Amino acid sequence: MSHSRPTQSVVIDPIKIAIGVFVVLGVVLTAVAAYALLESLAGGMAALPPELAMTVVFGAALLATGFAAHRAVPDRR
């Protein structure tokens, strides 16, 4: 007699992962291009150092990754 509970398996879809990676990469590259464009045209965001801009971009990517992981992992209640 087995008293173990059935476990749910998490299905990993490589196509969805690849699409997600390319979407995040596209957003990051768009943000970098916009920053470069503003910097070259009007001297724009001179008060914002590049280190801070990259920190914001990677922080947003980290939050998006955490949100996606939270949605992919089943609730453990």
PDB file of N, CA and C in Angstrom:
ATOM      1  N   MET A   1       0.826  -1.173   0.000  1.00  0.00           N
ATOM      2  CA  MET A   1       0.000   0.000   0.000  1.00  0.00           C
ATOM      3  C   MET A   1       0.876   1.244   0.000  1.00  0.00           C
ATOM      4  N   SER A   2       0.589   2.108  -0.899  1.00  0.00           N
ATOM      5  CA  SER A   2       1.379   3.331  -1.021  1.00  0.00           C
ATOM      6  C   SER A   2       0.570   4.503  -0.486  1.00  0.00           C
ATOM      7  N   HIS A   3       1.209   5.312   0.342  1.00  0.00           N
ATOM      8  CA  HIS A   3       0.549   6.474   0.915  1.00  0.00           C
ATOM      9  C   HIS A   3       1.109   7.777   0.356  1.00  0.00           C
ATOM     10  N   SER A   4       1.795   7.705  -0.727  1.00  0.00           N
ATOM     11  CA  SER A   4       2.375   8.923  -1.300  1.00  0.00           C
ATOM     12  C   SER A   4       1.328   9.678  -2.104  1.00  0.00           C
ATOM     13  N   ARG A   5       1.479  10.996  -2.121  1.00  0.00           N
ATOM     14  CA  ARG A   5       0.567  11.842  -2.886  1.00  0.00           C
ATOM     15  C   ARG A   5       1.058  11.949  -4.320  1.00  0.00           C
ATOM     16  N   PRO A   6       0.162  12.049  -5.253  1.00  0.00           N
ATOM     17  CA  PRO A   6       0.606  12.253  -6.638  1.00  0.00           C
ATOM     18  C   PRO A   6       1.211  13.644  -6.781  1.00  0.00           C
ATOM     19  N   THR A   7       2.296  13.740  -7.509  1.00  0.00           N
ATOM     20  CA  THR A   7       2.961  15.030  -7.702  1.00  0.00           C
ATOM     21  C   THR A   7       2.628  15.583  -9.076  1.00  0.00           C
ATOM     22  N   GLN A   8       2.619  16.904  -9.134  1.00  0.00           N
ATOM     23  CA  GLN A   8       2.385  17.558 -10.419  1.00  0.00           C
ATOM     24  C   GLN A   8       3.729  17.775 -11.094  1.00  0.00           C
ATOM     25  N   SER A   9       3.765  17.483 -12.353  1.00  0.00           N
ATOM     26  CA  SER A   9       5.004  17.725 -13.084  1.00  0.00           C
ATOM     27  C   SER A   9       4.920  19.079 -13.779  1.00  0.00           C
ATOM     28  N   VAL A  10       6.035  19.773 -13.813  1.00  0.00           N
ATOM     29  CA  VAL A  10       6.117  21.074 -14.473  1.00  0.00           C
ATOM     30  C   VAL A  10       6.622  20.836 -15.887  1.00  0.00           C
ATOM     31  N   VAL A  11       5.840  21.271 -16.847  1.00  0.00           N
ATOM     32  CA  VAL A  11       6.212  21.103 -18.246  1.00  0.00           C
ATOM     33  C   VAL A  11       7.018  22.328 -18.682  1.00  0.00           C
ATOM     34  N   ILE A  12       8.216  22.088 -19.160  1.00  0.00           N
ATOM     35  CA  ILE A  12       9.079  23.175 -19.636  1.00  0.00           C
ATOM     36  C   ILE A  12       9.007  23.199 -21.156  1.00  0.00           C
ATOM     37  N   ASP A  13       8.532  24.315 -21.676  1.00  0.00           N
ATOM     38  CA  ASP A  13       8.395  24.457 -23.119  1.00  0.00           C
ATOM     39  C   ASP A  13       9.555  25.302 -23.648  1.00  0.00           C
ATOM     40  N   PRO A  14      10.495  24.689 -24.370  1.00  0.00           N
ATOM     41  CA  PRO A  14      11.664  25.445 -24.831  1.00  0.00           C
ATOM     42  C   PRO A  14      11.321  26.576 -25.798  1.00  0.00           C
ATOM     43  N   ILE A  15      10.249  26.439 -26.552  1.00  0.00           N
ATOM     44  CA  ILE A  15       9.860  27.505 -27.483  1.00  0.00           C
ATOM     45  C   ILE A  15       9.430  28.752 -26.707  1.00  0.00           C
ATOM     46  N   LYS A  16       8.632  28.565 -25.649  1.00  0.00           N
ATOM     47  CA  LYS A  16       8.191  29.702 -24.843  1.00  0.00           C
ATOM     48  C   LYS A  16       9.371  30.351 -24.125  1.00  0.00           C
ATOM     49  N   ILE A  17      10.310  29.550 -23.674  1.00  0.00           N
ATOM     50  CA  ILE A  17      11.488  30.093 -23.009  1.00  0.00           C
ATOM     51  C   ILE A  17      12.313  30.920 -23.999  1.00  0.00           C
ATOM     52  N   ALA A  18      12.506  30.389 -25.201  1.00  0.00           N
ATOM     53  CA  ALA A  18      13.280  31.106 -26.219  1.00  0.00           C
ATOM     54  C   ALA A  18      12.592  32.415 -26.597  1.00  0.00           C
ATOM     55  N   ILE A  19      11.282  32.382 -26.756  1.00  0.00           N
ATOM     56  CA  ILE A  19      10.544  33.610 -27.084  1.00  0.00           C
ATOM     57  C   ILE A  19      10.685  34.622 -25.957  1.00  0.00           C
ATOM     58  N   GLY A  20      10.578  34.174 -24.729  1.00  0.00           N
ATOM     59  CA  GLY A  20      10.731  35.074 -23.584  1.00  0.00           C
ATOM     60  C   GLY A  20      12.108  35.702 -23.526  1.00  0.00           C
ATOM     61  N   VAL A  21      13.135  34.905 -23.777  1.00  0.00           N
ATOM     62  CA  VAL A  21      14.500  35.429 -23.763  1.00  0.00           C
ATOM     63  C   VAL A  21      14.679  36.478 -24.852  1.00  0.00           C
ATOM     64  N   PHE A  22      14.162  36.201 -26.043  1.00  0.00           N
ATOM     65  CA  PHE A  22      14.313  37.164 -27.134  1.00  0.00           C
ATOM     66  C   PHE A  22      13.489  38.424 -26.905  1.00  0.00           C
ATOM     67  N   VAL A  23      12.340  38.304 -26.255  1.00  0.00           N
ATOM     68  CA  VAL A  23      11.550  39.498 -25.941  1.00  0.00           C
ATOM     69  C   VAL A  23      12.294  40.374 -24.941  1.00  0.00           C
ATOM     70  N   VAL A  24      12.841  39.756 -23.894  1.00  0.00           N
ATOM     71  CA  VAL A  24      13.598  40.523 -22.901  1.00  0.00           C
ATOM     72  C   VAL A  24      14.826  41.158 -23.551  1.00  0.00           C
ATOM     73  N   LEU A  25      15.526  40.400 -24.383  1.00  0.00           N
ATOM     74  CA  LEU A  25      16.688  40.939 -25.076  1.00  0.00           C
ATOM     75  C   LEU A  25      16.298  42.111 -25.978  1.00  0.00           C
ATOM     76  N   GLY A  26      15.173  41.995 -26.652  1.00  0.00           N
ATOM     77  CA  GLY A  26      14.696  43.083 -27.500  1.00  0.00           C
ATOM     78  C   GLY A  26      14.371  44.332 -26.707  1.00  0.00           C
ATOM     79  N   VAL A  27      13.746  44.163 -25.545  1.00  0.00           N
ATOM     80  CA  VAL A  27      13.417  45.313 -24.697  1.00  0.00           C
ATOM     81  C   VAL A  27      14.696  45.979 -24.200  1.00  0.00           C
ATOM     82  N   VAL A  28      15.661  45.180 -23.777  1.00  0.00           N
ATOM     83  CA  VAL A  28      16.924  45.734 -23.284  1.00  0.00           C
ATOM     84  C   VAL A  28      17.650  46.484 -24.399  1.00  0.00           C
ATOM     85  N   LEU A  29      17.732  45.882 -25.572  1.00  0.00           N
ATOM     86  CA  LEU A  29      18.423  46.544 -26.679  1.00  0.00           C
ATOM     87  C   LEU A  29      17.694  47.812 -27.124  1.00  0.00           C
ATOM     88  N   THR A  30      16.369  47.810 -27.058  1.00  0.00           N
ATOM     89  CA  THR A  30      15.598  49.008 -27.389  1.00  0.00           C
ATOM     90  C   THR A  30      15.866  50.120 -26.385  1.00  0.00           C
ATOM     91  N   ALA A  31      15.946  49.756 -25.101  1.00  0.00           N
ATOM     92  CA  ALA A  31      16.233  50.759 -24.076  1.00  0.00           C
ATOM     93  C   ALA A  31      17.633  51.335 -24.257  1.00  0.00           C
ATOM     94  N   VAL A  32      18.593  50.491 -24.578  1.00  0.00           N
ATOM     95  CA  VAL A  32      19.961  50.965 -24.798  1.00  0.00           C
ATOM     96  C   VAL A  32      20.022  51.866 -26.039  1.00  0.00           C
ATOM     97  N   ALA A  33      19.312  51.488 -27.085  1.00  0.00           N
ATOM     98  CA  ALA A  33      19.298  52.308 -28.297  1.00  0.00           C
ATOM     99  C   ALA A  33      18.622  53.658 -28.045  1.00  0.00           C
ATOM    100  N   ALA A  34      17.540  53.655 -27.284  1.00  0.00           N
ATOM    101  CA  ALA A  34      16.866  54.916 -26.969  1.00  0.00           C
ATOM    102  C   ALA A  34      17.767  55.814 -26.140  1.00  0.00           C
ATOM    103  N   TYR A  35      18.470  55.228 -25.206  1.00  0.00           N
ATOM    104  CA  TYR A  35      19.412  56.003 -24.394  1.00  0.00           C
ATOM    105  C   TYR A  35      20.519  56.593 -25.273  1.00  0.00           C
ATOM    106  N   ALA A  36      21.058  55.805 -26.180  1.00  0.00           N
ATOM    107  CA  ALA A  36      22.112  56.281 -27.069  1.00  0.00           C
ATOM    108  C   ALA A  36      21.589  57.377 -27.992  1.00  0.00           C
ATOM    109  N   LEU A  37      20.366  57.228 -28.479  1.00  0.00           N
ATOM    110  CA  LEU A  37      19.776  58.231 -29.364  1.00  0.00           C
ATOM    111  C   LEU A  37      19.570  59.549 -28.634  1.00  0.00           C
ATOM    112  N   LEU A  38      19.015  59.481 -27.427  1.00  0.00           N
ATOM    113  CA  LEU A  38      18.817  60.702 -26.653  1.00  0.00           C
ATOM    114  C   LEU A  38      20.152  61.360 -26.310  1.00  0.00           C
ATOM    115  N   GLU A  39      21.125  60.541 -26.013  1.00  0.00           N
ATOM    116  CA  GLU A  39      22.441  61.066 -25.651  1.00  0.00           C
ATOM    117  C   GLU A  39      23.115  61.747 -26.830  1.00  0.00           C
ATOM    118  N   SER A  40      22.949  61.193 -28.022  1.00  0.00           N
ATOM    119  CA  SER A  40      23.639  61.758 -29.181  1.00  0.00           C
ATOM    120  C   SER A  40      22.909  62.950 -29.783  1.00  0.00           C
ATOM    121  N   LEU A  41      21.594  62.982 -29.727  1.00  0.00           N
ATOM    122  CA  LEU A  41      20.845  64.062 -30.361  1.00  0.00           C
ATOM    123  C   LEU A  41      20.845  65.339 -29.536  1.00  0.00           C
ATOM    124  N   ALA A  42      20.422  65.258 -28.298  1.00  0.00           N
ATOM    125  CA  ALA A  42      20.214  66.475 -27.528  1.00  0.00           C
ATOM    126  C   ALA A  42      21.152  66.582 -26.336  1.00  0.00           C
ATOM    127  N   GLY A  43      22.051  65.658 -26.184  1.00  0.00           N
ATOM    128  CA  GLY A  43      22.850  65.659 -24.976  1.00  0.00           C
ATOM    129  C   GLY A  43      22.002  65.199 -23.809  1.00  0.00           C
ATOM    130  N   GLY A  44      20.776  64.921 -24.073  1.00  0.00           N
ATOM    131  CA  GLY A  44      19.672  64.459 -23.253  1.00  0.00           C
ATOM    132  C   GLY A  44      19.921  64.097 -21.823  1.00  0.00           C
ATOM    133  N   MET A  45      20.054  62.862 -21.566  1.00  0.00           N
ATOM    134  CA  MET A  45      20.045  62.376 -20.203  1.00  0.00           C
ATOM    135  C   MET A  45      21.464  62.385 -19.624  1.00  0.00           C
ATOM    136  N   ALA A  46      22.124  63.524 -19.710  1.00  0.00           N
ATOM    137  CA  ALA A  46      23.499  63.615 -19.237  1.00  0.00           C
ATOM    138  C   ALA A  46      23.576  63.470 -17.724  1.00  0.00           C
ATOM    139  N   ALA A  47      22.489  63.814 -17.049  1.00  0.00           N
ATOM    140  CA  ALA A  47      22.484  63.708 -15.586  1.00  0.00           C
ATOM    141  C   ALA A  47      22.375  62.258 -15.133  1.00  0.00           C
ATOM    142  N   LEU A  48      21.922  61.379 -16.014  1.00  0.00           N
ATOM    143  CA  LEU A  48      21.756  59.971 -15.666  1.00  0.00           C
ATOM    144  C   LEU A  48      22.998  59.197 -16.108  1.00  0.00           C
ATOM    145  N   PRO A  49      23.797  58.725 -15.160  1.00  0.00           N
ATOM    146  CA  PRO A  49      24.995  57.980 -15.552  1.00  0.00           C
ATOM    147  C   PRO A  49      24.643  56.635 -16.176  1.00  0.00           C
ATOM    148  N   PRO A  50      25.467  56.149 -17.084  1.00  0.00           N
ATOM    149  CA  PRO A  50      25.171  54.871 -17.743  1.00  0.00           C
ATOM    150  C   PRO A  50      25.063  53.710 -16.760  1.00  0.00           C
ATOM    151  N   GLU A  51      25.813  53.774 -15.661  1.00  0.00           N
ATOM    152  CA  GLU A  51      25.744  52.689 -14.676  1.00  0.00           C
ATOM    153  C   GLU A  51      24.361  52.607 -14.052  1.00  0.00           C
ATOM    154  N   LEU A  52      23.768  53.769 -13.775  1.00  0.00           N
ATOM    155  CA  LEU A  52      22.431  53.782 -13.189  1.00  0.00           C
ATOM    156  C   LEU A  52      21.399  53.284 -14.195  1.00  0.00           C
ATOM    157  N   ALA A  53      21.555  53.690 -15.455  1.00  0.00           N
ATOM    158  CA  ALA A  53      20.626  53.230 -16.488  1.00  0.00           C
ATOM    159  C   ALA A  53      20.683  51.720 -16.638  1.00  0.00           C
ATOM    160  N   MET A  54      21.877  51.144 -16.659  1.00  0.00           N
ATOM    161  CA  MET A  54      21.992  49.694 -16.792  1.00  0.00           C
ATOM    162  C   MET A  54      21.480  48.976 -15.539  1.00  0.00           C
ATOM    163  N   THR A  55      21.654  49.593 -14.376  1.00  0.00           N
ATOM    164  CA  THR A  55      21.114  49.015 -13.154  1.00  0.00           C
ATOM    165  C   THR A  55      19.593  48.946 -13.227  1.00  0.00           C
ATOM    166  N   VAL A  56      18.972  50.004 -13.732  1.00  0.00           N
ATOM    167  CA  VAL A  56      17.515  50.021 -13.870  1.00  0.00           C
ATOM    168  C   VAL A  56      17.062  48.964 -14.878  1.00  0.00           C
ATOM    169  N   VAL A  57      17.767  48.859 -16.004  1.00  0.00           N
ATOM    170  CA  VAL A  57      17.394  47.887 -17.037  1.00  0.00           C
ATOM    171  C   VAL A  57      17.516  46.463 -16.496  1.00  0.00           C
ATOM    172  N   PHE A  58      18.631  46.149 -15.860  1.00  0.00           N
ATOM    173  CA  PHE A  58      18.805  44.795 -15.353  1.00  0.00           C
ATOM    174  C   PHE A  58      17.896  44.518 -14.156  1.00  0.00           C
ATOM    175  N   GLY A  59      17.583  45.526 -13.371  1.00  0.00           N
ATOM    176  CA  GLY A  59      16.618  45.348 -12.288  1.00  0.00           C
ATOM    177  C   GLY A  59      15.236  45.023 -12.822  1.00  0.00           C
ATOM    178  N   ALA A  60      14.833  45.717 -13.883  1.00  0.00           N
ATOM    179  CA  ALA A  60      13.537  45.428 -14.504  1.00  0.00           C
ATOM    180  C   ALA A  60      13.530  44.026 -15.108  1.00  0.00           C
ATOM    181  N   ALA A  61      14.649  43.620 -15.717  1.00  0.00           N
ATOM    182  CA  ALA A  61      14.733  42.260 -16.266  1.00  0.00           C
ATOM    183  C   ALA A  61      14.653  41.218 -15.156  1.00  0.00           C
ATOM    184  N   LEU A  62      15.278  41.499 -14.011  1.00  0.00           N
ATOM    185  CA  LEU A  62      15.221  40.582 -12.883  1.00  0.00           C
ATOM    186  C   LEU A  62      13.801  40.459 -12.343  1.00  0.00           C
ATOM    187  N   LEU A  63      13.100  41.587 -12.247  1.00  0.00           N
ATOM    188  CA  LEU A  63      11.714  41.543 -11.798  1.00  0.00           C
ATOM    189  C   LEU A  63      10.827  40.773 -12.773  1.00  0.00           C
ATOM    190  N   ALA A  64      11.037  40.985 -14.068  1.00  0.00           N
ATOM    191  CA  ALA A  64      10.253  40.258 -15.067  1.00  0.00           C
ATOM    192  C   ALA A  64      10.535  38.767 -15.000  1.00  0.00           C
ATOM    193  N   THR A  65      11.793  38.392 -14.787  1.00  0.00           N
ATOM    194  CA  THR A  65      12.142  36.978 -14.667  1.00  0.00           C
ATOM    195  C   THR A  65      11.508  36.367 -13.431  1.00  0.00           C
ATOM    196  N   GLY A  66      11.554  37.091 -12.331  1.00  0.00           N
ATOM    197  CA  GLY A  66      10.929  36.602 -11.103  1.00  0.00           C
ATOM    198  C   GLY A  66       9.434  36.441 -11.242  1.00  0.00           C
ATOM    199  N   PHE A  67       8.781  37.387 -11.910  1.00  0.00           N
ATOM    200  CA  PHE A  67       7.339  37.282 -12.129  1.00  0.00           C
ATOM    201  C   PHE A  67       7.005  36.089 -13.015  1.00  0.00           C
ATOM    202  N   ALA A  68       7.805  35.883 -14.068  1.00  0.00           N
ATOM    203  CA  ALA A  68       7.559  34.746 -14.964  1.00  0.00           C
ATOM    204  C   ALA A  68       7.784  33.425 -14.240  1.00  0.00           C
ATOM    205  N   ALA A  69       8.808  33.360 -13.407  1.00  0.00           N
ATOM    206  CA  ALA A  69       9.071  32.134 -12.649  1.00  0.00           C
ATOM    207  C   ALA A  69       7.951  31.883 -11.643  1.00  0.00           C
ATOM    208  N   HIS A  70       7.450  32.946 -11.039  1.00  0.00           N
ATOM    209  CA  HIS A  70       6.353  32.796 -10.075  1.00  0.00           C
ATOM    210  C   HIS A  70       5.101  32.239 -10.756  1.00  0.00           C
ATOM    211  N   ARG A  71       4.851  32.660 -11.983  1.00  0.00           N
ATOM    212  CA  ARG A  71       3.688  32.149 -12.715  1.00  0.00           C
ATOM    213  C   ARG A  71       3.887  30.716 -13.169  1.00  0.00           C
ATOM    214  N   ALA A  72       5.134  30.318 -13.419  1.00  0.00           N
ATOM    215  CA  ALA A  72       5.393  28.977 -13.950  1.00  0.00           C
ATOM    216  C   ALA A  72       5.391  27.908 -12.861  1.00  0.00           C
ATOM    217  N   VAL A  73       5.762  28.280 -11.635  1.00  0.00           N
ATOM    218  CA  VAL A  73       5.850  27.304 -10.535  1.00  0.00           C
ATOM    219  C   VAL A  73       4.471  27.182  -9.898  1.00  0.00           C
ATOM    220  N   PRO A  74       3.975  25.966  -9.724  1.00  0.00           N
ATOM    221  CA  PRO A  74       2.657  25.786  -9.129  1.00  0.00           C
ATOM    222  C   PRO A  74       2.652  26.188  -7.645  1.00  0.00           C
ATOM    223  N   ASP A  75       1.495  26.586  -7.168  1.00  0.00           N
ATOM    224  CA  ASP A  75       1.332  26.984  -5.769  1.00  0.00           C
ATOM    225  C   ASP A  75       1.524  25.785  -4.859  1.00  0.00           C
ATOM    226  N   ARG A  76       2.248  25.944  -3.755  1.00  0.00           N
ATOM    227  CA  ARG A  76       2.565  24.811  -2.874  1.00  0.00           C
ATOM    228  C   ARG A  76       1.780  24.856  -1.580  1.00  0.00           C
ATOM    229  N   ARG A  77       0.539  25.149  -1.621  1.00  0.00           N
ATOM    230  CA  ARG A  77      -0.278  25.153  -0.397  1.00  0.00           C
ATOM    231  C   ARG A  77      -0.857  23.827  -0.115  1.00  0.00           C
TER     232      ARG A  77
END
